[in-house]
N, C-alpha and C. Protein backbone atom coordinates (compact mmCIF):
# COMPACT_ATOMS: atom_id res chain seq x y z
N UNK A 1 -18.91 -5.24 -47.52
CA UNK A 1 -18.51 -5.65 -46.03
C UNK A 1 -19.41 -6.35 -45.57
N UNK A 2 -19.32 -7.39 -44.65
CA UNK A 2 -20.18 -7.76 -43.87
C UNK A 2 -20.07 -7.45 -42.22
N UNK A 3 -20.62 -7.06 -41.11
CA UNK A 3 -20.50 -6.53 -40.10
C UNK A 3 -20.77 -7.64 -39.29
N UNK A 4 -20.56 -8.49 -38.19
CA UNK A 4 -21.42 -9.38 -37.06
C UNK A 4 -20.90 -8.94 -36.12
N UNK A 5 -22.09 -8.76 -35.38
CA UNK A 5 -21.86 -8.49 -33.58
C UNK A 5 -22.36 -9.33 -33.08
N UNK A 6 -22.29 -9.72 -31.93
CA UNK A 6 -22.64 -10.47 -30.49
C UNK A 6 -23.09 -9.57 -29.40
N UNK A 7 -24.39 -9.85 -28.98
CA UNK A 7 -24.40 -9.34 -27.67
C UNK A 7 -24.00 -10.36 -26.57
N UNK A 8 -23.59 -9.55 -25.73
CA UNK A 8 -23.16 -10.15 -24.45
C UNK A 8 -23.72 -10.94 -23.37
N UNK A 9 -23.40 -12.33 -23.02
CA UNK A 9 -23.90 -12.54 -22.35
C UNK A 9 -23.25 -13.59 -21.12
N UNK A 10 -23.73 -14.08 -20.37
CA UNK A 10 -23.20 -14.81 -19.04
C UNK A 10 -23.07 -16.95 -19.62
N UNK A 11 -21.81 -17.44 -19.59
CA UNK A 11 -22.33 -18.78 -19.97
C UNK A 11 -21.59 -19.39 -18.59
N UNK A 12 -21.83 -20.34 -18.32
CA UNK A 12 -21.68 -21.21 -17.19
C UNK A 12 -21.57 -22.34 -17.59
N UNK A 13 -20.11 -23.28 -17.11
CA UNK A 13 -19.94 -24.15 -17.58
C UNK A 13 -18.55 -24.61 -16.25
N UNK A 14 -19.50 -25.98 -15.88
CA UNK A 14 -18.78 -26.66 -15.17
C UNK A 14 -18.44 -26.17 -13.80
N UNK A 15 -19.86 -25.04 -13.16
CA UNK A 15 -19.72 -24.41 -12.03
C UNK A 15 -18.40 -23.18 -11.76
N UNK A 16 -18.31 -22.57 -13.08
CA UNK A 16 -17.25 -21.36 -13.36
C UNK A 16 -18.09 -20.35 -14.17
N UNK A 17 -18.60 -19.16 -13.84
CA UNK A 17 -18.96 -18.00 -14.80
C UNK A 17 -17.77 -17.35 -14.90
N UNK A 18 -18.43 -17.43 -16.40
CA UNK A 18 -17.26 -16.52 -17.26
C UNK A 18 -17.96 -15.73 -18.23
N UNK A 19 -17.37 -14.35 -18.72
CA UNK A 19 -18.37 -13.20 -19.29
C UNK A 19 -17.61 -13.80 -20.78
N UNK A 20 -19.40 -14.07 -21.74
CA UNK A 20 -18.64 -14.07 -22.98
C UNK A 20 -19.29 -13.09 -23.69
N UNK A 21 -18.36 -11.95 -24.58
CA UNK A 21 -18.75 -11.23 -25.01
C UNK A 21 -18.10 -11.02 -26.15
N UNK A 22 -18.57 -10.44 -27.47
CA UNK A 22 -17.97 -9.68 -28.66
C UNK A 22 -17.44 -8.25 -28.17
N UNK A 23 -16.25 -8.24 -28.44
CA UNK A 23 -15.97 -6.61 -28.03
C UNK A 23 -15.82 -5.87 -29.42
N UNK A 24 -16.09 -4.45 -29.71
CA UNK A 24 -15.92 -3.73 -30.32
C UNK A 24 -14.59 -3.55 -31.21
N UNK A 25 -14.57 -2.98 -32.30
CA UNK A 25 -13.33 -3.08 -32.99
C UNK A 25 -12.11 -1.63 -32.05
N UNK A 26 -12.79 -0.90 -31.50
CA UNK A 26 -12.31 0.21 -30.46
C UNK A 26 -11.57 -0.68 -29.34
N UNK A 27 -12.04 -2.01 -29.08
CA UNK A 27 -11.58 -2.29 -27.94
C UNK A 27 -10.50 -3.77 -28.22
N UNK A 28 -10.31 -3.82 -29.16
CA UNK A 28 -9.19 -4.96 -29.90
C UNK A 28 -7.71 -5.09 -29.25
N UNK A 29 -7.56 -4.12 -28.50
CA UNK A 29 -5.91 -3.81 -27.92
C UNK A 29 -6.15 -4.34 -26.94
N UNK A 30 -6.88 -4.97 -26.09
CA UNK A 30 -6.82 -5.96 -25.10
C UNK A 30 -6.95 -5.25 -23.89
N UNK A 31 -7.23 -3.88 -23.71
CA UNK A 31 -7.23 -3.30 -22.42
C UNK A 31 -9.01 -2.92 -22.45
N UNK A 32 -9.62 -3.50 -22.85
CA UNK A 32 -10.95 -3.36 -22.41
C UNK A 32 -11.86 -3.34 -21.33
N UNK A 33 -12.33 -1.90 -20.65
CA UNK A 33 -12.77 -2.26 -19.37
C UNK A 33 -13.76 -3.70 -19.08
N UNK A 34 -13.77 -3.97 -17.93
CA UNK A 34 -14.73 -5.05 -16.89
C UNK A 34 -15.71 -4.57 -16.89
N UNK A 35 -17.14 -5.05 -17.52
CA UNK A 35 -18.27 -4.27 -16.91
C UNK A 35 -18.61 -4.27 -15.51
N UNK A 36 -19.36 -3.42 -14.47
CA UNK A 36 -19.66 -3.64 -13.24
C UNK A 36 -20.21 -4.43 -13.11
N UNK A 37 -20.03 -5.48 -12.43
CA UNK A 37 -21.32 -6.69 -11.80
C UNK A 37 -20.94 -8.00 -12.58
N UNK A 38 -19.67 -7.61 -13.73
CA UNK A 38 -19.60 -9.10 -14.28
C UNK A 38 -19.02 -9.80 -13.25
N UNK A 39 -19.50 -10.97 -13.68
CA UNK A 39 -18.02 -12.07 -12.46
C UNK A 39 -16.87 -12.15 -13.44
N UNK A 40 -16.05 -12.29 -12.12
CA UNK A 40 -14.68 -12.80 -12.79
C UNK A 40 -14.38 -14.00 -11.65
N UNK A 41 -13.44 -14.54 -12.43
CA UNK A 41 -13.35 -16.47 -12.69
C UNK A 41 -12.01 -15.93 -11.57
N UNK A 42 -12.08 -16.61 -10.61
CA UNK A 42 -10.99 -16.52 -9.38
C UNK A 42 -10.04 -17.70 -10.17
N UNK A 43 -8.57 -16.75 -9.50
CA UNK A 43 -7.20 -17.77 -9.62
C UNK A 43 -7.23 -18.99 -8.76
N UNK A 44 -7.55 -19.89 -9.06
CA UNK A 44 -6.69 -21.12 -8.00
C UNK A 44 -5.68 -21.50 -7.76
N UNK A 45 -5.46 -21.87 -6.70
CA UNK A 45 -3.75 -22.52 -6.22
C UNK A 45 -3.54 -23.67 -6.58
N UNK A 46 -2.55 -24.35 -6.97
CA UNK A 46 -2.34 -25.44 -7.54
C UNK A 46 -3.03 -26.81 -6.23
N UNK A 47 -3.27 -27.66 -6.14
CA UNK A 47 -3.19 -28.75 -4.75
C UNK A 47 -1.94 -29.12 -4.17
N UNK A 48 -1.94 -29.04 -2.95
CA UNK A 48 -0.94 -29.20 -1.98
C UNK A 48 -0.94 -30.75 -2.07
N UNK A 49 1.09 -31.11 -1.72
CA UNK A 49 0.75 -32.26 -1.31
C UNK A 49 0.58 -32.78 0.33
N UNK A 50 0.25 -34.62 0.17
CA UNK A 50 0.02 -35.12 1.50
C UNK A 50 1.00 -35.76 2.03
N UNK A 51 1.32 -35.32 3.27
CA UNK A 51 2.94 -36.29 4.26
C UNK A 51 2.20 -37.28 4.46
N UNK A 52 2.29 -39.07 4.30
CA UNK A 52 1.88 -39.90 5.91
C UNK A 52 3.17 -40.45 6.18
N UNK A 53 3.16 -40.05 7.12
CA UNK A 53 4.33 -41.08 8.09
C UNK A 53 4.22 -42.31 8.13
N UNK A 54 5.21 -43.49 7.83
CA UNK A 54 5.19 -44.84 8.16
C UNK A 54 5.59 -44.80 8.77
N UNK A 55 7.12 -44.63 9.44
CA UNK A 55 7.70 -45.89 10.50
C UNK A 55 8.46 -44.30 10.84
N UNK A 56 8.45 -44.37 12.27
CA UNK A 56 9.79 -43.28 12.71
C UNK A 56 10.25 -43.77 14.27
N UNK A 57 11.59 -43.97 14.49
CA UNK A 57 12.82 -44.36 15.05
C UNK A 57 13.42 -43.81 15.99
N UNK A 58 14.05 -43.65 16.58
CA UNK A 58 15.36 -42.90 17.27
C UNK A 58 16.08 -44.07 16.81
N UNK A 59 17.61 -43.46 16.14
CA UNK A 59 18.49 -44.37 15.52
C UNK A 59 19.55 -44.99 17.05
N UNK A 60 19.36 -46.04 16.98
CA UNK A 60 20.29 -46.29 18.15
C UNK A 60 21.74 -46.50 17.91
N UNK A 61 22.33 -45.78 19.09
CA UNK A 61 23.70 -45.36 18.65
C UNK A 61 23.70 -43.83 18.42
N UNK A 62 22.90 -43.30 17.97
CA UNK A 62 23.31 -41.97 17.81
C UNK A 62 22.16 -41.09 18.32
N UNK A 63 22.84 -40.31 19.58
CA UNK A 63 21.93 -39.92 20.24
C UNK A 63 21.44 -38.40 19.79
N UNK A 64 20.03 -38.09 20.07
CA UNK A 64 19.14 -36.99 19.55
C UNK A 64 18.84 -36.96 18.03
N UNK A 65 19.34 -38.17 17.32
CA UNK A 65 18.84 -38.71 15.80
C UNK A 65 17.69 -39.29 15.56
N UNK A 66 16.84 -39.04 15.12
CA UNK A 66 15.60 -39.69 14.40
C UNK A 66 15.21 -40.18 12.92
N UNK A 67 14.96 -41.45 12.81
CA UNK A 67 14.74 -42.01 11.05
C UNK A 67 12.92 -42.20 10.92
N UNK A 68 13.10 -41.37 10.30
CA UNK A 68 11.48 -41.22 9.55
C UNK A 68 11.45 -41.75 8.30
N UNK A 69 10.40 -42.29 7.80
CA UNK A 69 10.31 -42.89 6.60
C UNK A 69 8.63 -41.99 6.23
N UNK A 70 8.25 -41.28 5.00
CA UNK A 70 6.95 -41.43 4.89
C UNK A 70 7.07 -41.37 3.20
N UNK A 71 5.09 -41.76 2.84
CA UNK A 71 4.98 -40.83 1.80
C UNK A 71 4.59 -39.84 1.37
N UNK A 72 4.64 -39.16 0.15
CA UNK A 72 4.60 -38.18 0.08
C UNK A 72 3.61 -38.33 -1.58
N UNK A 73 2.30 -37.69 -1.52
CA UNK A 73 0.99 -37.77 -2.67
C UNK A 73 1.20 -36.38 -3.08
N UNK A 74 1.18 -36.78 -4.43
CA UNK A 74 1.07 -35.16 -5.51
C UNK A 74 -0.04 -35.41 -6.28
N UNK A 75 -0.91 -34.73 -5.85
CA UNK A 75 -2.25 -35.31 -6.57
C UNK A 75 -2.08 -34.54 -8.43
N UNK A 76 -3.10 -34.57 -9.24
CA UNK A 76 -2.04 -33.79 -10.74
C UNK A 76 -2.02 -32.19 -10.51
N UNK A 77 -1.21 -31.97 -11.11
CA UNK A 77 -0.81 -30.30 -11.27
C UNK A 77 -0.25 -30.28 -9.68
N UNK A 78 0.01 -30.82 -8.44
CA UNK A 78 0.20 -30.56 -7.12
C UNK A 78 1.46 -30.17 -7.28
N UNK A 79 1.69 -28.66 -6.00
CA UNK A 79 3.22 -28.37 -6.21
C UNK A 79 2.69 -27.92 -4.46
N UNK A 80 4.17 -28.11 -3.83
CA UNK A 80 4.33 -27.85 -2.46
C UNK A 80 4.97 -26.52 -2.21
N UNK A 81 4.67 -25.76 -1.36
CA UNK A 81 5.28 -24.59 -0.95
C UNK A 81 6.73 -24.70 -0.91
N UNK A 82 7.85 -23.87 -0.90
CA UNK A 82 8.60 -23.66 -0.60
C UNK A 82 8.98 -24.10 0.89
N UNK A 83 9.95 -24.78 1.00
CA UNK A 83 9.86 -25.26 2.61
C UNK A 83 11.63 -25.68 2.79
N UNK A 84 12.12 -26.04 3.61
CA UNK A 84 12.79 -26.81 4.48
C UNK A 84 13.06 -27.67 5.29
N UNK A 85 13.61 -28.78 5.34
CA UNK A 85 13.71 -29.90 6.58
C UNK A 85 14.51 -29.82 7.53
N UNK A 86 14.79 -28.39 8.18
CA UNK A 86 15.61 -28.01 9.09
C UNK A 86 16.96 -28.47 8.75
N UNK A 87 17.31 -29.21 9.90
CA UNK A 87 18.62 -29.53 9.57
C UNK A 87 18.68 -31.84 9.47
N UNK A 88 17.53 -31.96 8.78
CA UNK A 88 17.45 -33.06 8.24
C UNK A 88 18.16 -33.22 7.08
N UNK A 89 18.70 -34.96 7.06
CA UNK A 89 19.23 -35.41 5.60
C UNK A 89 18.34 -36.05 5.13
N UNK A 90 17.46 -35.61 3.49
CA UNK A 90 16.70 -36.38 2.97
C UNK A 90 17.00 -37.11 1.97
N UNK A 91 16.01 -38.24 2.03
CA UNK A 91 16.59 -38.94 0.17
C UNK A 91 15.05 -39.29 -0.25
N UNK A 92 14.60 -38.84 -0.98
CA UNK A 92 13.62 -39.04 -1.93
C UNK A 92 13.46 -40.10 -3.18
N UNK A 93 12.12 -40.87 -2.96
CA UNK A 93 12.91 -42.09 -4.33
C UNK A 93 11.47 -41.86 -4.64
N UNK A 94 10.96 -41.74 -6.43
CA UNK A 94 9.70 -41.47 -6.79
C UNK A 94 9.50 -43.10 -7.09
N UNK A 95 8.40 -43.22 -5.93
CA UNK A 95 7.17 -44.38 -6.96
C UNK A 95 6.55 -44.24 -7.90
N UNK A 96 5.98 -43.46 -8.19
CA UNK A 96 4.78 -43.39 -9.31
C UNK A 96 4.89 -41.69 -9.84
N UNK A 97 4.71 -41.57 -11.20
CA UNK A 97 4.64 -40.11 -11.81
C UNK A 97 6.06 -39.77 -11.56
N UNK A 98 6.32 -38.66 -12.38
CA UNK A 98 7.31 -37.48 -12.32
C UNK A 98 7.19 -36.60 -11.87
N UNK A 99 8.25 -35.89 -10.61
CA UNK A 99 8.13 -34.73 -10.22
C UNK A 99 9.48 -33.98 -10.48
N UNK A 100 9.36 -32.70 -11.06
CA UNK A 100 9.88 -31.39 -11.11
C UNK A 100 10.83 -30.84 -9.57
N UNK A 101 12.13 -30.42 -9.37
CA UNK A 101 12.24 -30.16 -8.42
C UNK A 101 13.53 -29.10 -8.42
N UNK A 102 13.61 -28.37 -7.44
CA UNK A 102 14.76 -27.56 -7.60
C UNK A 102 15.40 -27.58 -5.80
N UNK A 103 16.15 -26.87 -6.43
CA UNK A 103 17.26 -26.75 -4.21
C UNK A 103 17.49 -25.36 -4.73
N UNK A 104 17.70 -24.75 -3.58
CA UNK A 104 18.10 -23.09 -3.28
C UNK A 104 17.99 -22.57 -5.02
N UNK A 105 19.42 -22.06 -5.40
CA UNK A 105 19.65 -21.48 -6.40
C UNK A 105 20.15 -22.55 -7.73
N UNK A 106 19.90 -23.98 -7.59
CA UNK A 106 20.56 -24.73 -8.49
C UNK A 106 19.66 -24.93 -9.64
N UNK A 107 20.06 -26.20 -10.51
CA UNK A 107 19.15 -26.16 -11.80
C UNK A 107 17.85 -26.96 -11.14
N UNK A 108 16.59 -26.66 -11.84
CA UNK A 108 15.45 -27.58 -12.10
C UNK A 108 15.35 -28.97 -12.26
N UNK A 109 15.37 -30.16 -11.65
CA UNK A 109 15.67 -31.15 -12.22
C UNK A 109 14.29 -32.35 -12.20
N UNK A 110 14.37 -33.14 -12.90
CA UNK A 110 12.85 -33.90 -13.56
C UNK A 110 13.25 -35.26 -13.10
N UNK A 111 12.63 -35.90 -11.84
CA UNK A 111 12.51 -37.02 -11.57
C UNK A 111 11.31 -37.78 -12.18
N UNK A 112 11.89 -39.35 -12.55
CA UNK A 112 10.83 -40.06 -12.96
C UNK A 112 10.79 -41.48 -12.01
N UNK A 113 9.55 -42.39 -12.11
CA UNK A 113 9.70 -43.30 -11.42
C UNK A 113 10.78 -44.25 -11.43
N UNK A 114 11.61 -44.29 -10.09
CA UNK A 114 12.60 -45.42 -9.99
C UNK A 114 13.90 -44.68 -9.65
N UNK A 115 13.82 -43.02 -10.01
CA UNK A 115 14.64 -42.16 -9.65
C UNK A 115 14.78 -41.84 -8.57
N UNK A 116 15.59 -41.41 -7.76
CA UNK A 116 15.89 -40.21 -6.54
C UNK A 116 16.80 -39.16 -6.55
N UNK A 117 16.72 -38.76 -5.48
CA UNK A 117 17.77 -37.59 -4.97
C UNK A 117 17.72 -37.60 -3.88
N UNK A 118 18.87 -36.57 -2.95
CA UNK A 118 18.81 -36.01 -1.53
C UNK A 118 19.43 -34.77 -1.32
N UNK A 119 18.89 -34.53 -0.27
CA UNK A 119 18.38 -32.89 0.06
C UNK A 119 19.76 -32.91 0.73
N UNK A 120 20.61 -31.98 1.18
CA UNK A 120 21.33 -31.69 2.76
C UNK A 120 20.76 -31.44 3.24
N UNK A 121 21.14 -31.22 4.71
CA UNK A 121 20.87 -30.23 5.54
C UNK A 121 20.51 -29.31 5.70
N UNK A 122 19.54 -28.45 5.88
CA UNK A 122 19.09 -27.26 5.79
C UNK A 122 18.69 -26.63 4.34
N UNK A 123 18.83 -27.41 3.36
CA UNK A 123 18.52 -27.41 1.67
C UNK A 123 17.21 -26.51 1.70
N UNK A 124 17.10 -25.71 1.12
CA UNK A 124 15.91 -24.43 0.37
C UNK A 124 15.12 -25.03 -0.90
N UNK A 125 14.17 -26.10 -0.30
CA UNK A 125 13.38 -26.84 -1.54
C UNK A 125 12.33 -25.69 -2.18
N UNK A 126 13.02 -25.18 -3.34
CA UNK A 126 11.84 -23.87 -3.69
C UNK A 126 10.93 -24.60 -4.54
N UNK A 127 11.20 -25.33 -5.42
CA UNK A 127 10.29 -26.04 -6.51
C UNK A 127 10.24 -27.43 -6.06
N UNK A 128 9.01 -28.38 -6.09
CA UNK A 128 8.21 -29.17 -5.81
C UNK A 128 7.25 -29.26 -6.90
N UNK A 129 6.87 -30.00 -7.65
CA UNK A 129 5.73 -30.45 -8.59
C UNK A 129 5.37 -31.62 -9.16
N UNK A 130 4.13 -31.97 -9.25
CA UNK A 130 3.86 -32.85 -10.13
C UNK A 130 3.75 -32.12 -11.69
N UNK A 131 4.28 -33.09 -12.19
CA UNK A 131 4.67 -32.29 -13.82
C UNK A 131 3.34 -32.54 -14.74
N UNK A 132 2.75 -33.82 -14.08
CA UNK A 132 1.33 -33.99 -15.05
C UNK A 132 -0.16 -33.27 -14.42
N UNK A 133 -1.12 -32.96 -15.46
CA UNK A 133 -2.01 -32.75 -15.06
C UNK A 133 -2.93 -33.84 -14.77
N UNK A 134 -2.52 -35.12 -14.81
CA UNK A 134 -3.57 -35.84 -15.37
C UNK A 134 -3.80 -37.24 -14.40
N UNK A 135 -2.51 -37.32 -14.14
CA UNK A 135 -2.00 -38.41 -13.18
C UNK A 135 -1.26 -38.00 -11.49
N UNK A 136 -1.35 -38.83 -10.87
CA UNK A 136 -0.60 -38.69 -9.57
C UNK A 136 1.01 -38.82 -9.29
N UNK A 137 1.50 -38.43 -8.57
CA UNK A 137 2.72 -38.51 -8.29
C UNK A 137 3.07 -38.80 -6.78
N UNK A 138 4.21 -40.27 -6.37
CA UNK A 138 4.24 -40.42 -5.02
C UNK A 138 5.73 -40.31 -4.79
N UNK A 139 6.02 -40.24 -3.95
CA UNK A 139 7.39 -40.66 -3.40
C UNK A 139 7.22 -41.37 -1.83
N UNK A 140 8.26 -42.03 -1.70
CA UNK A 140 8.97 -42.42 -0.70
C UNK A 140 10.06 -41.63 0.00
N UNK A 141 10.20 -41.10 1.01
CA UNK A 141 10.73 -40.23 1.80
C UNK A 141 11.61 -40.44 3.06
N UNK A 142 12.83 -40.07 3.33
CA UNK A 142 13.24 -40.48 4.80
C UNK A 142 14.06 -39.77 4.74
N UNK A 143 13.67 -39.54 6.40
CA UNK A 143 14.39 -37.81 6.82
C UNK A 143 15.58 -38.69 8.13
N UNK A 144 16.63 -38.46 8.55
CA UNK A 144 17.35 -38.58 9.38
C UNK A 144 17.22 -36.91 9.96
N UNK A 145 16.84 -36.76 11.20
CA UNK A 145 16.36 -35.42 11.52
C UNK A 145 16.68 -35.76 12.71
N UNK A 146 16.84 -34.44 13.79
CA UNK A 146 16.81 -33.90 15.05
C UNK A 146 15.50 -34.38 15.68
N UNK A 147 15.72 -35.23 16.81
CA UNK A 147 14.73 -36.02 17.49
C UNK A 147 13.90 -34.74 18.11
N UNK A 148 12.43 -35.15 17.52
CA UNK A 148 11.35 -34.05 17.57
C UNK A 148 11.45 -32.51 17.23
N UNK A 149 11.60 -32.15 16.04
CA UNK A 149 12.12 -31.55 14.63
C UNK A 149 11.04 -31.86 14.42
N UNK A 150 10.28 -30.61 13.35
CA UNK A 150 9.49 -30.29 12.46
C UNK A 150 10.05 -30.81 11.12
N UNK A 151 9.40 -32.06 10.17
CA UNK A 151 9.97 -32.63 9.11
C UNK A 151 10.02 -31.49 8.23
N UNK A 152 9.20 -30.43 8.14
CA UNK A 152 9.03 -29.80 6.83
C UNK A 152 8.76 -28.07 7.98
N UNK A 153 9.42 -27.23 7.16
CA UNK A 153 8.94 -26.13 7.46
C UNK A 153 8.65 -24.75 6.19
N UNK A 154 7.58 -24.24 6.31
CA UNK A 154 7.22 -23.47 5.05
C UNK A 154 8.29 -22.31 4.98
N UNK A 155 8.95 -21.98 4.05
CA UNK A 155 10.37 -21.31 3.86
C UNK A 155 10.27 -21.11 2.83
N UNK A 156 9.44 -19.39 2.17
CA UNK A 156 9.34 -18.21 0.81
C UNK A 156 10.84 -18.41 0.28
N UNK A 157 10.62 -18.11 -0.52
CA UNK A 157 12.36 -18.06 -1.60
C UNK A 157 12.51 -16.67 -0.79
N UNK A 158 13.47 -15.90 -0.71
CA UNK A 158 13.82 -14.66 -0.31
C UNK A 158 14.92 -14.13 0.77
């Protein structure tokens, strides 16, 4: 029988530090302890989306309501935090890429370039993410909201 054993070392790649070490057979269960002083890679959050307002106008003849259009850009692998749009009626149109979305307890839906959806006032948007890890996604979003109200308010599930 041939027995091979590697020495522990530290490997640096693209600015991330990870431990590289072959474990003896007694640690093959996957529960080997981490050596003191060994660097541990940090868990990163997906990048956020950005909302860029395009046009904002009080609706003539509809007291207290405002029309707002905006572009929402999702870098690759971006995910929005769960949120609500207050009492706004929301229309979203996919200009570029593919976006996965879920409202409340409803099904997860995938929208591609040229597709759209609406969100009723008070809807809880629990998932909004760019499905691609390499390409951006972009939405055109229209809000009919109460004048002066925030367009997006973080709202964790639960």
